[in-house]
PDB file of N, CA and C in Angstrom:
ATOM      1  N   MET A   1     194.159 129.532 110.241  1.00  0.00           N
ATOM      2  CA  MET A   1     193.625 128.528 111.367  1.00  0.00           C
ATOM      3  C   MET A   1     194.465 127.283 111.559  1.00  0.00           C
ATOM      4  N   ILE A   2     194.481 126.839 112.834  1.00  0.00           N
ATOM      5  CA  ILE A   2     195.601 125.956 113.106  1.00  0.00           C
ATOM      6  C   ILE A   2     195.088 124.431 112.979  1.00  0.00           C
ATOM      7  N   LEU A   3     193.631 124.323 112.877  1.00  0.00           N
ATOM      8  CA  LEU A   3     192.922 122.860 112.809  1.00  0.00           C
ATOM      9  C   LEU A   3     193.213 122.342 111.617  1.00  0.00           C
ATOM     10  N   PRO A   4     193.296 121.105 111.306  1.00  0.00           N
ATOM     11  CA  PRO A   4     193.450 120.258 110.108  1.00  0.00           C
ATOM     12  C   PRO A   4     192.282 120.480 109.131  1.00  0.00           C
ATOM     13  N   LYS A   5     192.418 120.057 108.108  1.00  0.00           N
ATOM     14  CA  LYS A   5     191.328 120.487 107.114  1.00  0.00           C
ATOM     15  C   LYS A   5     190.326 119.495 107.211  1.00  0.00           C
ATOM     16  N   LYS A   6     189.039 120.128 107.097  1.00  0.00           N
ATOM     17  CA  LYS A   6     187.818 119.081 107.045  1.00  0.00           C
ATOM     18  C   LYS A   6     188.029 118.045 105.983  1.00  0.00           C
ATOM     19  N   GLU A   7     188.388 118.351 104.701  1.00  0.00           N
ATOM     20  CA  GLU A   7     188.523 117.384 103.670  1.00  0.00           C
ATOM     21  C   GLU A   7     189.244 116.088 104.215  1.00  0.00           C
ATOM     22  N   PHE A   8     190.135 116.111 104.961  1.00  0.00           N
ATOM     23  CA  PHE A   8     191.152 115.180 105.562  1.00  0.00           C
ATOM     24  C   PHE A   8     190.477 114.123 106.521  1.00  0.00           C
ATOM     25  N   ASN A   9     189.149 114.444 106.668  1.00  0.00           N
ATOM     26  CA  ASN A   9     188.227 113.809 107.663  1.00  0.00           C
ATOM     27  C   ASN A   9     187.971 112.454 107.262  1.00  0.00           C
ATOM     28  N   ILE A  10     187.974 111.232 107.966  1.00  0.00           N
ATOM     29  CA  ILE A  10     187.690 109.996 107.457  1.00  0.00           C
ATOM     30  C   ILE A  10     186.863 109.447 108.420  1.00  0.00           C
ATOM     31  N   TYR A  11     186.296 110.189 109.602  1.00  0.00           N
ATOM     32  CA  TYR A  11     185.310 109.507 110.393  1.00  0.00           C
ATOM     33  C   TYR A  11     184.079 110.474 110.572  1.00  0.00           C
ATOM     34  N   PRO A  12     182.893 109.697 110.521  1.00  0.00           N
ATOM     35  CA  PRO A  12     181.315 110.534 110.586  1.00  0.00           C
ATOM     36  C   PRO A  12     181.491 111.007 112.067  1.00  0.00           C
ATOM     37  N   LYS A  13     180.927 112.177 112.197  1.00  0.00           N
ATOM     38  CA  LYS A  13     180.651 112.658 113.580  1.00  0.00           C
ATOM     39  C   LYS A  13     179.340 112.110 114.010  1.00  0.00           C
ATOM     40  N   THR A  14     179.706 111.175 114.853  1.00  0.00           N
ATOM     41  CA  THR A  14     178.504 110.425 115.499  1.00  0.00           C
ATOM     42  C   THR A  14     178.566 110.493 117.183  1.00  0.00           C
ATOM     43  N   GLU A  15     177.591 110.027 117.680  1.00  0.00           N
ATOM     44  CA  GLU A  15     177.691 109.945 119.113  1.00  0.00           C
ATOM     45  C   GLU A  15     178.743 109.038 119.630  1.00  0.00           C
ATOM     46  N   GLU A  16     178.727 107.831 118.962  1.00  0.00           N
ATOM     47  CA  GLU A  16     179.577 106.899 119.335  1.00  0.00           C
ATOM     48  C   GLU A  16     181.093 107.273 119.170  1.00  0.00           C
ATOM     49  N   ASN A  17     181.406 107.969 118.080  1.00  0.00           N
ATOM     50  CA  ASN A  17     182.705 108.360 117.855  1.00  0.00           C
ATOM     51  C   ASN A  17     183.114 109.612 118.787  1.00  0.00           C
ATOM     52  N   LEU A  18     182.316 110.506 118.836  1.00  0.00           N
ATOM     53  CA  LEU A  18     182.574 111.619 119.983  1.00  0.00           C
ATOM     54  C   LEU A  18     182.599 111.148 121.318  1.00  0.00           C
ATOM     55  N   ASN A  19     181.936 110.345 121.720  1.00  0.00           N
ATOM     56  CA  ASN A  19     182.041 109.805 123.256  1.00  0.00           C
ATOM     57  C   ASN A  19     183.604 108.799 123.241  1.00  0.00           C
ATOM     58  N   ALA A  20     183.909 108.356 122.040  1.00  0.00           N
ATOM     59  CA  ALA A  20     185.110 107.654 122.117  1.00  0.00           C
ATOM     60  C   ALA A  20     186.296 108.603 122.221  1.00  0.00           C
ATOM     61  N   VAL A  21     186.095 109.886 121.639  1.00  0.00           N
ATOM     62  CA  VAL A  21     187.184 110.799 121.554  1.00  0.00           C
ATOM     63  C   VAL A  21     187.288 111.373 122.862  1.00  0.00           C
ATOM     64  N   LEU A  22     186.338 111.755 123.351  1.00  0.00           N
ATOM     65  CA  LEU A  22     186.283 112.502 124.714  1.00  0.00           C
ATOM     66  C   LEU A  22     186.685 111.565 125.816  1.00  0.00           C
ATOM     67  N   SER A  23     186.226 110.253 125.791  1.00  0.00           N
ATOM     68  CA  SER A  23     186.739 109.434 126.872  1.00  0.00           C
ATOM     69  C   SER A  23     188.210 109.111 126.770  1.00  0.00           C
ATOM     70  N   TYR A  24     188.581 108.906 125.566  1.00  0.00           N
ATOM     71  CA  TYR A  24     189.987 108.559 125.387  1.00  0.00           C
ATOM     72  C   TYR A  24     190.933 109.907 125.763  1.00  0.00           C
ATOM     73  N   HIS A  25     190.544 111.038 125.506  1.00  0.00           N
ATOM     74  CA  HIS A  25     191.404 112.058 125.817  1.00  0.00           C
ATOM     75  C   HIS A  25     191.188 112.843 127.322  1.00  0.00           C
ATOM     76  N   PHE A  26     189.994 112.419 128.011  1.00  0.00           N
ATOM     77  CA  PHE A  26     189.600 113.192 129.236  1.00  0.00           C
ATOM     78  C   PHE A  26     189.324 112.355 130.393  1.00  0.00           C
ATOM     79  N   ASP A  27     188.844 111.141 130.258  1.00  0.00           N
ATOM     80  CA  ASP A  27     188.543 110.276 131.122  1.00  0.00           C
ATOM     81  C   ASP A  27     189.403 110.311 132.691  1.00  0.00           C
ATOM     82  N   LYS A  28     190.749 110.377 132.377  1.00  0.00           N
ATOM     83  CA  LYS A  28     191.586 110.188 133.298  1.00  0.00           C
ATOM     84  C   LYS A  28     191.659 111.853 134.192  1.00  0.00           C
ATOM     85  N   TYR A  29     190.864 113.079 133.668  1.00  0.00           N
ATOM     86  CA  TYR A  29     191.038 114.007 134.299  1.00  0.00           C
ATOM     87  C   TYR A  29     189.629 114.466 134.722  1.00  0.00           C
ATOM     88  N   LEU A  30     188.632 113.902 134.076  1.00  0.00           N
ATOM     89  CA  LEU A  30     187.185 114.595 134.537  1.00  0.00           C
ATOM     90  C   LEU A  30     186.410 113.552 134.702  1.00  0.00           C
ATOM     91  N   LEU A  31     185.602 113.922 135.745  1.00  0.00           N
ATOM     92  CA  LEU A  31     184.289 112.820 136.382  1.00  0.00           C
ATOM     93  C   LEU A  31     183.211 112.946 135.924  1.00  0.00           C
ATOM     94  N   PHE A  32     182.637 114.123 135.072  1.00  0.00           N
ATOM     95  CA  PHE A  32     181.348 114.252 134.607  1.00  0.00           C
ATOM     96  C   PHE A  32     180.701 113.415 133.410  1.00  0.00           C
ATOM     97  N   ASP A  33     179.661 113.654 133.304  1.00  0.00           N
ATOM     98  CA  ASP A  33     178.826 112.987 132.177  1.00  0.00           C
ATOM     99  C   ASP A  33     179.304 113.620 130.854  1.00  0.00           C
ATOM    100  N   LYS A  34     179.615 113.004 129.863  1.00  0.00           N
ATOM    101  CA  LYS A  34     179.991 113.397 128.499  1.00  0.00           C
ATOM    102  C   LYS A  34     178.637 113.915 127.668  1.00  0.00           C
ATOM    103  N   ASN A  35     177.548 113.568 128.047  1.00  0.00           N
ATOM    104  CA  ASN A  35     176.145 113.566 127.267  1.00  0.00           C
ATOM    105  C   ASN A  35     176.252 115.033 126.732  1.00  0.00           C
ATOM    106  N   GLU A  36     176.270 116.151 127.489  1.00  0.00           N
ATOM    107  CA  GLU A  36     176.036 117.424 127.062  1.00  0.00           C
ATOM    108  C   GLU A  36     177.315 117.881 126.379  1.00  0.00           C
ATOM    109  N   ALA A  37     178.349 117.513 126.518  1.00  0.00           N
ATOM    110  CA  ALA A  37     179.212 117.833 125.368  1.00  0.00           C
ATOM    111  C   ALA A  37     179.173 117.153 124.271  1.00  0.00           C
ATOM    112  N   VAL A  38     178.720 115.816 124.049  1.00  0.00           N
ATOM    113  CA  VAL A  38     178.430 115.137 122.673  1.00  0.00           C
ATOM    114  C   VAL A  38     177.280 115.738 122.095  1.00  0.00           C
ATOM    115  N   GLU A  39     176.120 116.283 122.935  1.00  0.00           N
ATOM    116  CA  GLU A  39     175.036 117.084 122.333  1.00  0.00           C
ATOM    117  C   GLU A  39     175.620 118.104 121.609  1.00  0.00           C
ATOM    118  N   ASP A  40     176.415 119.040 122.305  1.00  0.00           N
ATOM    119  CA  ASP A  40     176.967 120.376 121.704  1.00  0.00           C
ATOM    120  C   ASP A  40     177.851 120.032 120.588  1.00  0.00           C
ATOM    121  N   LEU A  41     178.704 119.071 120.580  1.00  0.00           N
ATOM    122  CA  LEU A  41     179.471 118.629 119.743  1.00  0.00           C
ATOM    123  C   LEU A  41     178.804 118.355 118.280  1.00  0.00           C
ATOM    124  N   LEU A  42     177.754 117.605 118.398  1.00  0.00           N
ATOM    125  CA  LEU A  42     176.839 117.016 117.222  1.00  0.00           C
ATOM    126  C   LEU A  42     176.140 118.160 116.574  1.00  0.00           C
ATOM    127  N   LYS A  43     175.676 119.446 117.579  1.00  0.00           N
ATOM    128  CA  LYS A  43     175.055 120.425 116.823  1.00  0.00           C
ATOM    129  C   LYS A  43     175.998 121.534 116.210  1.00  0.00           C
ATOM    130  N   ASN A  44     177.303 121.288 116.597  1.00  0.00           N
ATOM    131  CA  ASN A  44     178.353 122.197 115.832  1.00  0.00           C
ATOM    132  C   ASN A  44     178.565 121.811 114.555  1.00  0.00           C
ATOM    133  N   ASN A  45     178.130 122.577 113.535  1.00  0.00           N
ATOM    134  CA  ASN A  45     178.318 122.162 112.083  1.00  0.00           C
ATOM    135  C   ASN A  45     179.482 122.643 111.567  1.00  0.00           C
ATOM    136  N   THR A  46     180.374 123.529 112.427  1.00  0.00           N
ATOM    137  CA  THR A  46     181.342 124.109 111.887  1.00  0.00           C
ATOM    138  C   THR A  46     182.550 123.220 111.861  1.00  0.00           C
ATOM    139  N   LEU A  47     182.656 122.104 112.887  1.00  0.00           N
ATOM    140  CA  LEU A  47     183.828 121.345 113.005  1.00  0.00           C
ATOM    141  C   LEU A  47     183.494 119.759 112.481  1.00  0.00           C
ATOM    142  N   SER A  48     184.265 119.412 112.161  1.00  0.00           N
ATOM    143  CA  SER A  48     184.542 118.072 111.402  1.00  0.00           C
ATOM    144  C   SER A  48     184.864 116.986 112.749  1.00  0.00           C
ATOM    145  N   MET A  49     184.800 115.885 112.326  1.00  0.00           N
ATOM    146  CA  MET A  49     185.388 114.820 113.445  1.00  0.00           C
ATOM    147  C   MET A  49     186.883 114.911 113.801  1.00  0.00           C
ATOM    148  N   ASN A  50     187.634 115.002 112.634  1.00  0.00           N
ATOM    149  CA  ASN A  50     189.052 115.398 112.991  1.00  0.00           C
ATOM    150  C   ASN A  50     189.417 116.497 113.571  1.00  0.00           C
ATOM    151  N   GLN A  51     188.757 117.367 113.165  1.00  0.00           N
ATOM    152  CA  GLN A  51     189.132 118.753 113.828  1.00  0.00           C
ATOM    153  C   GLN A  51     188.698 118.804 115.490  1.00  0.00           C
ATOM    154  N   ILE A  52     187.611 117.952 115.870  1.00  0.00           N
ATOM    155  CA  ILE A  52     187.373 117.717 117.351  1.00  0.00           C
ATOM    156  C   ILE A  52     188.408 116.876 118.010  1.00  0.00           C
ATOM    157  N   GLU A  53     188.664 115.946 117.261  1.00  0.00           N
ATOM    158  CA  GLU A  53     189.629 114.971 117.859  1.00  0.00           C
ATOM    159  C   GLU A  53     191.005 115.871 118.011  1.00  0.00           C
ATOM    160  N   PHE A  54     191.481 116.599 117.161  1.00  0.00           N
ATOM    161  CA  PHE A  54     192.684 117.454 117.140  1.00  0.00           C
ATOM    162  C   PHE A  54     192.504 118.375 118.362  1.00  0.00           C
ATOM    163  N   ILE A  55     191.493 119.133 118.564  1.00  0.00           N
ATOM    164  CA  ILE A  55     191.382 119.815 119.904  1.00  0.00           C
ATOM    165  C   ILE A  55     191.186 119.210 121.166  1.00  0.00           C
ATOM    166  N   ALA A  56     190.511 118.027 121.187  1.00  0.00           N
ATOM    167  CA  ALA A  56     190.600 117.255 122.415  1.00  0.00           C
ATOM    168  C   ALA A  56     192.017 116.844 122.653  1.00  0.00           C
ATOM    169  N   LYS A  57     192.703 116.325 121.534  1.00  0.00           N
ATOM    170  CA  LYS A  57     194.173 115.845 121.619  1.00  0.00           C
ATOM    171  C   LYS A  57     194.975 116.984 122.307  1.00  0.00           C
ATOM    172  N   LYS A  58     194.926 118.298 121.741  1.00  0.00           N
ATOM    173  CA  LYS A  58     195.770 119.293 122.145  1.00  0.00           C
ATOM    174  C   LYS A  58     195.427 119.669 123.754  1.00  0.00           C
ATOM    175  N   LEU A  59     193.964 119.808 123.955  1.00  0.00           N
ATOM    176  CA  LEU A  59     193.678 119.879 125.435  1.00  0.00           C
ATOM    177  C   LEU A  59     194.245 118.861 126.256  1.00  0.00           C
ATOM    178  N   SER A  60     193.960 117.659 125.752  1.00  0.00           N
ATOM    179  CA  SER A  60     194.714 116.621 126.791  1.00  0.00           C
ATOM    180  C   SER A  60     196.097 116.613 126.953  1.00  0.00           C
ATOM    181  N   GLU A  61     196.867 117.017 125.969  1.00  0.00           N
ATOM    182  CA  GLU A  61     198.368 117.181 125.953  1.00  0.00           C
ATOM    183  C   GLU A  61     198.749 118.383 126.760  1.00  0.00           C
ATOM    184  N   SER A  62     197.952 119.539 126.854  1.00  0.00           N
ATOM    185  CA  SER A  62     198.424 120.475 127.962  1.00  0.00           C
ATOM    186  C   SER A  62     197.941 120.519 129.207  1.00  0.00           C
ATOM    187  N   TRP A  63     196.930 119.355 129.386  1.00  0.00           N
ATOM    188  CA  TRP A  63     196.189 119.199 130.762  1.00  0.00           C
ATOM    189  C   TRP A  63     197.113 119.644 131.932  1.00  0.00           C
ATOM    190  N   CYS A  64     198.117 118.790 132.022  1.00  0.00           N
ATOM    191  CA  CYS A  64     198.912 118.883 133.312  1.00  0.00           C
ATOM    192  C   CYS A  64     199.714 120.214 133.286  1.00  0.00           C
ATOM    193  N   GLN A  65     200.024 120.855 132.324  1.00  0.00           N
ATOM    194  CA  GLN A  65     200.692 122.077 132.051  1.00  0.00           C
ATOM    195  C   GLN A  65     199.839 123.430 132.381  1.00  0.00           C
ATOM    196  N   LEU A  66     198.515 123.185 131.649  1.00  0.00           N
ATOM    197  CA  LEU A  66     197.816 124.415 131.885  1.00  0.00           C
ATOM    198  C   LEU A  66     196.428 124.347 132.764  1.00  0.00           C
ATOM    199  N   PHE A  67     195.868 123.046 132.677  1.00  0.00           N
ATOM    200  CA  PHE A  67     194.342 123.074 133.157  1.00  0.00           C
ATOM    201  C   PHE A  67     194.426 122.170 134.774  1.00  0.00           C
ATOM    202  N   GLU A  68     195.508 121.496 134.744  1.00  0.00           N
ATOM    203  CA  GLU A  68     195.116 120.675 136.109  1.00  0.00           C
ATOM    204  C   GLU A  68     194.883 121.305 137.191  1.00  0.00           C
ATOM    205  N   ASN A  69     195.635 122.498 137.696  1.00  0.00           N
ATOM    206  CA  ASN A  69     195.506 123.212 138.685  1.00  0.00           C
ATOM    207  C   ASN A  69     194.513 124.591 138.411  1.00  0.00           C
ATOM    208  N   PHE A  70     194.192 124.806 137.300  1.00  0.00           N
ATOM    209  CA  PHE A  70     193.340 125.519 136.948  1.00  0.00           C
ATOM    210  C   PHE A  70     191.858 125.291 137.470  1.00  0.00           C
ATOM    211  N   PHE A  71     191.815 124.043 137.005  1.00  0.00           N
ATOM    212  CA  PHE A  71     190.350 123.345 137.356  1.00  0.00           C
ATOM    213  C   PHE A  71     190.624 122.227 138.218  1.00  0.00           C
ATOM    214  N   ARG A  72     190.529 122.900 139.589  1.00  0.00           N
ATOM    215  CA  ARG A  72     190.883 122.071 140.652  1.00  0.00           C
ATOM    216  C   ARG A  72     190.020 120.950 141.088  1.00  0.00           C
ATOM    217  N   GLU A  73     190.590 119.685 141.293  1.00  0.00           N
ATOM    218  CA  GLU A  73     189.789 118.387 141.739  1.00  0.00           C
ATOM    219  C   GLU A  73     188.839 118.314 140.624  1.00  0.00           C
ATOM    220  N   LYS A  74     189.207 118.195 139.302  1.00  0.00           N
ATOM    221  CA  LYS A  74     188.162 117.862 138.198  1.00  0.00           C
ATOM    222  C   LYS A  74     186.880 118.537 138.185  1.00  0.00           C
ATOM    223  N   THR A  75     187.140 119.807 138.365  1.00  0.00           N
ATOM    224  CA  THR A  75     185.706 120.676 138.379  1.00  0.00           C
ATOM    225  C   THR A  75     185.106 121.297 137.305  1.00  0.00           C
ATOM    226  N   THR A  76     185.548 120.731 136.095  1.00  0.00           N
ATOM    227  CA  THR A  76     184.998 121.219 135.075  1.00  0.00           C
ATOM    228  C   THR A  76     184.261 120.311 134.080  1.00  0.00           C
ATOM    229  N   SER A  77     183.565 120.583 133.188  1.00  0.00           N
ATOM    230  CA  SER A  77     182.875 119.752 132.382  1.00  0.00           C
ATOM    231  C   SER A  77     183.509 119.347 131.108  1.00  0.00           C
ATOM    232  N   TYR A  78     183.121 118.457 130.534  1.00  0.00           N
ATOM    233  CA  TYR A  78     183.642 117.916 128.941  1.00  0.00           C
ATOM    234  C   TYR A  78     183.385 119.077 128.235  1.00  0.00           C
ATOM    235  N   SER A  79     182.007 119.946 128.106  1.00  0.00           N
ATOM    236  CA  SER A  79     181.612 120.916 127.242  1.00  0.00           C
ATOM    237  C   SER A  79     182.589 122.008 127.489  1.00  0.00           C
ATOM    238  N   ASN A  80     182.783 122.377 128.907  1.00  0.00           N
ATOM    239  CA  ASN A  80     183.725 123.667 129.108  1.00  0.00           C
ATOM    240  C   ASN A  80     184.939 123.470 128.559  1.00  0.00           C
ATOM    241  N   ILE A  81     185.684 122.353 128.847  1.00  0.00           N
ATOM    242  CA  ILE A  81     187.121 122.249 128.445  1.00  0.00           C
ATOM    243  C   ILE A  81     187.166 122.236 126.868  1.00  0.00           C
ATOM    244  N   MET A  82     186.369 121.671 126.107  1.00  0.00           N
ATOM    245  CA  MET A  82     185.960 121.682 124.992  1.00  0.00           C
ATOM    246  C   MET A  82     185.918 123.004 124.323  1.00  0.00           C
ATOM    247  N   ASN A  83     185.088 123.795 125.106  1.00  0.00           N
ATOM    248  CA  ASN A  83     184.972 125.269 124.731  1.00  0.00           C
ATOM    249  C   ASN A  83     185.861 125.974 124.638  1.00  0.00           C
ATOM    250  N   TYR A  84     186.748 125.835 125.726  1.00  0.00           N
ATOM    251  CA  TYR A  84     188.001 126.590 125.763  1.00  0.00           C
ATOM    252  C   TYR A  84     188.999 126.242 124.371  1.00  0.00           C
ATOM    253  N   GLY A  85     188.778 124.936 123.764  1.00  0.00           N
ATOM    254  CA  GLY A  85     189.647 124.551 122.728  1.00  0.00           C
ATOM    255  C   GLY A  85     189.165 125.263 121.691  1.00  0.00           C
ATOM    256  N   ILE A  86     187.643 125.279 121.536  1.00  0.00           N
ATOM    257  CA  ILE A  86     186.992 125.781 120.449  1.00  0.00           C
ATOM    258  C   ILE A  86     187.358 127.034 120.247  1.00  0.00           C
ATOM    259  N   CYS A  87     187.130 127.856 121.660  1.00  0.00           N
ATOM    260  CA  CYS A  87     187.362 129.457 121.454  1.00  0.00           C
ATOM    261  C   CYS A  87     188.894 129.618 120.958  1.00  0.00           C
ATOM    262  N   GLY A  88     189.612 128.949 121.528  1.00  0.00           N
ATOM    263  CA  GLY A  88     191.319 129.251 121.323  1.00  0.00           C
ATOM    264  C   GLY A  88     191.451 129.075 119.686  1.00  0.00           C
ATOM    265  N   LEU A  89     190.939 127.956 119.069  1.00  0.00           N
ATOM    266  CA  LEU A  89     191.345 127.466 117.899  1.00  0.00           C
ATOM    267  C   LEU A  89     190.736 127.992 116.679  1.00  0.00           C
ATOM    268  N   ILE A  90     189.276 128.343 117.055  1.00  0.00           N
ATOM    269  CA  ILE A  90     188.377 128.663 116.038  1.00  0.00           C
ATOM    270  C   ILE A  90     187.997 130.122 115.769  1.00  0.00           C
ATOM    271  N   LEU A  91     187.729 130.649 116.978  1.00  0.00           N
ATOM    272  CA  LEU A  91     187.122 131.658 117.223  1.00  0.00           C
ATOM    273  C   LEU A  91     188.214 133.089 117.346  1.00  0.00           C
ATOM    274  N   PRO A  92     187.787 134.298 116.948  1.00  0.00           N
ATOM    275  CA  PRO A  92     188.579 135.252 117.369  1.00  0.00           C
ATOM    276  C   PRO A  92     188.269 135.678 118.713  1.00  0.00           C
ATOM    277  N   GLU A  93     189.098 136.222 119.204  1.00  0.00           N
ATOM    278  CA  GLU A  93     188.940 136.534 120.671  1.00  0.00           C
ATOM    279  C   GLU A  93     187.629 137.551 120.975  1.00  0.00           C
ATOM    280  N   SER A  94     187.333 138.322 120.212  1.00  0.00           N
ATOM    281  CA  SER A  94     186.178 139.406 120.284  1.00  0.00           C
ATOM    282  C   SER A  94     184.848 138.096 120.105  1.00  0.00           C
ATOM    283  N   LYS A  95     184.851 137.017 120.162  1.00  0.00           N
ATOM    284  CA  LYS A  95     183.608 136.036 119.923  1.00  0.00           C
ATOM    285  C   LYS A  95     183.580 135.297 121.046  1.00  0.00           C
ATOM    286  N   TRP A  96     184.745 135.249 121.787  1.00  0.00           N
ATOM    287  CA  TRP A  96     184.820 134.222 122.896  1.00  0.00           C
ATOM    288  C   TRP A  96     183.641 134.786 123.873  1.00  0.00           C
ATOM    289  N   GLN A  97     183.137 133.474 124.482  1.00  0.00           N
ATOM    290  CA  GLN A  97     181.912 133.770 125.345  1.00  0.00           C
ATOM    291  C   GLN A  97     182.055 134.269 126.850  1.00  0.00           C
ATOM    292  N   TYR A  98     183.510 134.123 127.102  1.00  0.00           N
ATOM    293  CA  TYR A  98     183.757 134.557 128.622  1.00  0.00           C
ATOM    294  C   TYR A  98     184.152 136.184 128.549  1.00  0.00           C
ATOM    295  N   SER A  99     183.593 136.849 129.701  1.00  0.00           N
ATOM    296  CA  SER A  99     183.684 138.230 129.732  1.00  0.00           C
ATOM    297  C   SER A  99     185.329 138.636 129.852  1.00  0.00           C
ATOM    298  N   LYS A 100     185.333 139.841 129.781  1.00  0.00           N
ATOM    299  CA  LYS A 100     187.025 140.590 129.369  1.00  0.00           C
ATOM    300  C   LYS A 100     187.777 140.100 130.649  1.00  0.00           C
ATOM    301  N   GLY A 101     186.947 140.191 132.086  1.00  0.00           N
ATOM    302  CA  GLY A 101     187.673 139.960 133.313  1.00  0.00           C
ATOM    303  C   GLY A 101     187.860 138.676 133.667  1.00  0.00           C
ATOM    304  N   SER A 102     187.404 137.762 132.830  1.00  0.00           N
ATOM    305  CA  SER A 102     187.457 136.393 133.213  1.00  0.00           C
ATOM    306  C   SER A 102     188.708 135.761 133.253  1.00  0.00           C
ATOM    307  N   LYS A 103     188.993 134.662 134.165  1.00  0.00           N
ATOM    308  CA  LYS A 103     190.122 133.953 134.379  1.00  0.00           C
ATOM    309  C   LYS A 103     190.077 132.853 132.866  1.00  0.00           C
ATOM    310  N   ALA A 104     189.280 132.978 132.411  1.00  0.00           N
ATOM    311  CA  ALA A 104     189.384 131.900 130.979  1.00  0.00           C
ATOM    312  C   ALA A 104     190.125 132.524 129.899  1.00  0.00           C
ATOM    313  N   ARG A 105     190.075 133.759 129.801  1.00  0.00           N
ATOM    314  CA  ARG A 105     190.814 134.507 128.768  1.00  0.00           C
ATOM    315  C   ARG A 105     192.113 134.465 128.495  1.00  0.00           C
ATOM    316  N   PRO A 106     192.870 134.321 129.771  1.00  0.00           N
ATOM    317  CA  PRO A 106     194.380 134.176 129.806  1.00  0.00           C
ATOM    318  C   PRO A 106     194.701 132.620 129.540  1.00  0.00           C
ATOM    319  N   LYS A 107     193.846 132.011 130.020  1.00  0.00           N
ATOM    320  CA  LYS A 107     193.961 130.264 130.151  1.00  0.00           C
ATOM    321  C   LYS A 107     194.108 130.163 128.537  1.00  0.00           C
ATOM    322  N   ILE A 108     193.022 130.591 127.874  1.00  0.00           N
ATOM    323  CA  ILE A 108     192.814 130.170 126.425  1.00  0.00           C
ATOM    324  C   ILE A 108     194.031 130.612 125.642  1.00  0.00           C
ATOM    325  N   ARG A 109     194.697 131.889 125.963  1.00  0.00           N
ATOM    326  CA  ARG A 109     195.596 132.570 125.190  1.00  0.00           C
ATOM    327  C   ARG A 109     196.788 131.625 125.493  1.00  0.00           C
ATOM    328  N   GLU A 110     196.960 130.981 126.847  1.00  0.00           N
ATOM    329  CA  GLU A 110     198.067 129.990 127.173  1.00  0.00           C
ATOM    330  C   GLU A 110     197.985 129.007 126.285  1.00  0.00           C
ATOM    331  N   PHE A 111     196.587 128.456 126.066  1.00  0.00           N
ATOM    332  CA  PHE A 111     196.331 126.990 125.288  1.00  0.00           C
ATOM    333  C   PHE A 111     196.828 127.400 123.795  1.00  0.00           C
ATOM    334  N   ILE A 112     196.468 128.493 123.162  1.00  0.00           N
ATOM    335  CA  ILE A 112     196.806 128.966 121.955  1.00  0.00           C
ATOM    336  C   ILE A 112     198.395 128.690 121.589  1.00  0.00           C
ATOM    337  N   GLU A 113     199.073 129.395 122.883  1.00  0.00           N
ATOM    338  CA  GLU A 113     200.497 129.302 122.518  1.00  0.00           C
ATOM    339  C   GLU A 113     200.916 128.125 122.646  1.00  0.00           C
ATOM    340  N   PHE A 114     200.449 127.206 123.431  1.00  0.00           N
ATOM    341  CA  PHE A 114     200.928 125.826 123.661  1.00  0.00           C
ATOM    342  C   PHE A 114     200.781 124.976 122.236  1.00  0.00           C
ATOM    343  N   VAL A 115     199.512 125.062 121.810  1.00  0.00           N
ATOM    344  CA  VAL A 115     199.319 124.668 120.398  1.00  0.00           C
ATOM    345  C   VAL A 115     200.353 125.132 119.368  1.00  0.00           C
ATOM    346  N   LYS A 116     200.584 126.232 119.312  1.00  0.00           N
ATOM    347  CA  LYS A 116     201.672 127.103 118.594  1.00  0.00           C
ATOM    348  C   LYS A 116     203.147 126.294 118.517  1.00  0.00           C
ATOM    349  N   ASN A 117     203.160 126.335 119.770  1.00  0.00           N
ATOM    350  CA  ASN A 117     204.640 125.611 120.221  1.00  0.00           C
ATOM    351  C   ASN A 117     204.509 124.023 120.046  1.00  0.00           C
ATOM    352  N   THR A 118     203.712 123.356 120.059  1.00  0.00           N
ATOM    353  CA  THR A 118     203.822 121.978 119.751  1.00  0.00           C
ATOM    354  C   THR A 118     203.281 121.662 118.339  1.00  0.00           C
ATOM    355  N   GLU A 119     202.763 122.471 117.725  1.00  0.00           N
ATOM    356  CA  GLU A 119     202.530 122.239 116.302  1.00  0.00           C
ATOM    357  C   GLU A 119     203.268 123.037 115.193  1.00  0.00           C
ATOM    358  N   ARG A 120     204.640 122.628 115.146  1.00  0.00           N
ATOM    359  CA  ARG A 120     205.564 123.205 114.393  1.00  0.00           C
ATOM    360  C   ARG A 120     205.239 123.636 112.803  1.00  0.00           C
ATOM    361  N   ASP A 121     204.651 122.707 112.199  1.00  0.00           N
ATOM    362  CA  ASP A 121     204.425 122.937 110.773  1.00  0.00           C
ATOM    363  C   ASP A 121     203.254 123.105 110.353  1.00  0.00           C
ATOM    364  N   PHE A 122     202.599 124.120 110.441  1.00  0.00           N
ATOM    365  CA  PHE A 122     201.112 124.552 110.025  1.00  0.00           C
ATOM    366  C   PHE A 122     200.827 124.393 108.779  1.00  0.00           C
ATOM    367  N   ASP A 123     201.635 124.660 107.855  1.00  0.00           N
ATOM    368  CA  ASP A 123     201.626 124.214 106.574  1.00  0.00           C
ATOM    369  C   ASP A 123     201.321 122.930 106.279  1.00  0.00           C
ATOM    370  N   PHE A 124     202.181 122.002 106.840  1.00  0.00           N
ATOM    371  CA  PHE A 124     202.028 120.700 106.638  1.00  0.00           C
ATOM    372  C   PHE A 124     200.955 120.048 107.111  1.00  0.00           C
ATOM    373  N   LEU A 125     200.424 120.582 108.524  1.00  0.00           N
ATOM    374  CA  LEU A 125     199.171 120.389 109.144  1.00  0.00           C
ATOM    375  C   LEU A 125     197.989 120.755 108.137  1.00  0.00           C
ATOM    376  N   SER A 126     197.995 121.913 107.507  1.00  0.00           N
ATOM    377  CA  SER A 126     196.783 122.235 106.891  1.00  0.00           C
ATOM    378  C   SER A 126     196.450 121.407 105.617  1.00  0.00           C
ATOM    379  N   THR A 127     197.602 120.701 105.088  1.00  0.00           N
ATOM    380  CA  THR A 127     197.593 120.181 103.870  1.00  0.00           C
ATOM    381  C   THR A 127     197.555 118.618 103.979  1.00  0.00           C
ATOM    382  N   ASN A 128     197.845 118.184 105.007  1.00  0.00           N
ATOM    383  CA  ASN A 128     198.342 116.749 105.174  1.00  0.00           C
ATOM    384  C   ASN A 128     197.545 116.098 106.478  1.00  0.00           C
ATOM    385  N   ASN A 129     196.833 116.859 107.248  1.00  0.00           N
ATOM    386  CA  ASN A 129     196.138 116.181 108.364  1.00  0.00           C
ATOM    387  C   ASN A 129     194.668 116.138 108.150  1.00  0.00           C
TER     388      ASN A 129
END
């Protein structure tokens, strides 16, 4: 797994913290309301706050390269973009909610490669993040 360990989480997963993370990483790219994404992330018992922040950070870092032209004119939601990251970084491809012929699948694979290329030391990440 590419994500930081839950044990290194220092912030509670609250509505306020989730709004702050989503705003910081995506407000310059997205125009939609964050409420749905916040609700989805609060319900997600698999991810800790530090893991959610990591996914948001990597999606934001890859936005111009991978997603800016893919989602034309800010036409995606916070929930959808976070789902791309969650699928790519925690789920096996067989569990992705997108159909086999969906344009989402190759984009998620590109995102996984982006993360692999920008996070060089996975052992360090898993033990110290």
